[in-house]
Amino acid sequence: MIGLIDSLTRVSKEEKTVSEYMQSIKTIINNLAIIGHDLTDGEIVVHALNRLTP
């Protein structure tokens, strides 16, 4: 679980399209849910927006 949470905090858009970036986040969130660590919508939004650059 700690590895997935770490991955979620480190995922970045870099050269990915927005769709690819969001899919990366969705995959990690789904994997967390599988092991019983659900995130609130607010937590998901914060993680998604934190790694975006202008």
Protein backbone atom coordinates (compact mmCIF):
# COMPACT_ATOMS: atom_id res chain seq x y z
CA MET A 1 0.00 0.00 0.00
CA ILE A 2 2.77 2.45 0.87
CA GLY A 3 4.32 1.92 -2.56
CA LEU A 4 1.05 2.78 -4.30
CA ILE A 5 0.54 5.90 -2.21
CA ASP A 6 4.12 6.92 -2.96
CA SER A 7 3.45 6.34 -6.66
CA LEU A 8 0.36 8.52 -6.45
CA THR A 9 2.29 11.38 -4.90
CA ARG A 10 5.08 11.09 -7.48
CA VAL A 11 3.11 10.63 -10.70
CA SER A 12 3.67 13.61 -12.97
CA LYS A 13 2.37 14.76 -16.30
CA GLU A 14 5.79 15.34 -17.89
CA GLU A 15 5.45 14.40 -21.57
CA LYS A 16 2.12 12.61 -21.14
CA THR A 17 -1.12 13.87 -22.56
CA VAL A 18 -3.75 14.87 -20.00
CA SER A 19 -5.61 11.67 -20.82
CA GLU A 20 -2.51 9.53 -20.20
CA TYR A 21 -1.76 11.41 -16.98
CA MET A 22 -5.30 10.92 -15.66
CA GLN A 23 -5.21 7.24 -16.67
CA SER A 24 -2.03 6.81 -14.62
CA ILE A 25 -3.75 8.32 -11.61
CA LYS A 26 -6.88 6.24 -12.17
CA THR A 27 -4.85 3.03 -12.32
CA ILE A 28 -3.13 3.78 -9.01
CA ILE A 29 -6.43 4.76 -7.36
CA ASN A 30 -8.08 1.56 -8.63
CA ASN A 31 -5.19 -0.52 -7.28
CA LEU A 32 -5.51 1.19 -3.91
CA ALA A 33 -9.25 0.46 -3.89
CA ILE A 34 -8.60 -3.21 -4.62
CA ILE A 35 -6.58 -3.49 -1.41
CA GLY A 36 -9.21 -1.59 0.56
CA HIS A 37 -7.70 1.89 0.65
CA ASP A 38 -10.39 4.07 -0.90
CA LEU A 39 -9.75 7.75 -1.48
CA THR A 40 -12.35 10.48 -1.30
CA ASP A 41 -13.14 12.53 -4.40
CA GLY A 42 -11.42 15.48 -2.75
CA GLU A 43 -8.22 13.49 -2.18
CA ILE A 44 -8.22 12.35 -5.79
CA VAL A 45 -8.62 15.92 -7.07
CA VAL A 46 -5.80 17.17 -4.82
CA HIS A 47 -3.45 14.43 -6.05
CA ALA A 48 -4.37 15.07 -9.68
CA LEU A 49 -3.86 18.84 -9.47
CA ASN A 50 -0.73 18.85 -7.31
CA ARG A 51 1.49 17.42 -10.03
CA LEU A 52 0.29 19.61 -12.89
CA THR A 53 2.53 22.41 -14.06
CA PRO A 54 1.33 25.58 -15.75
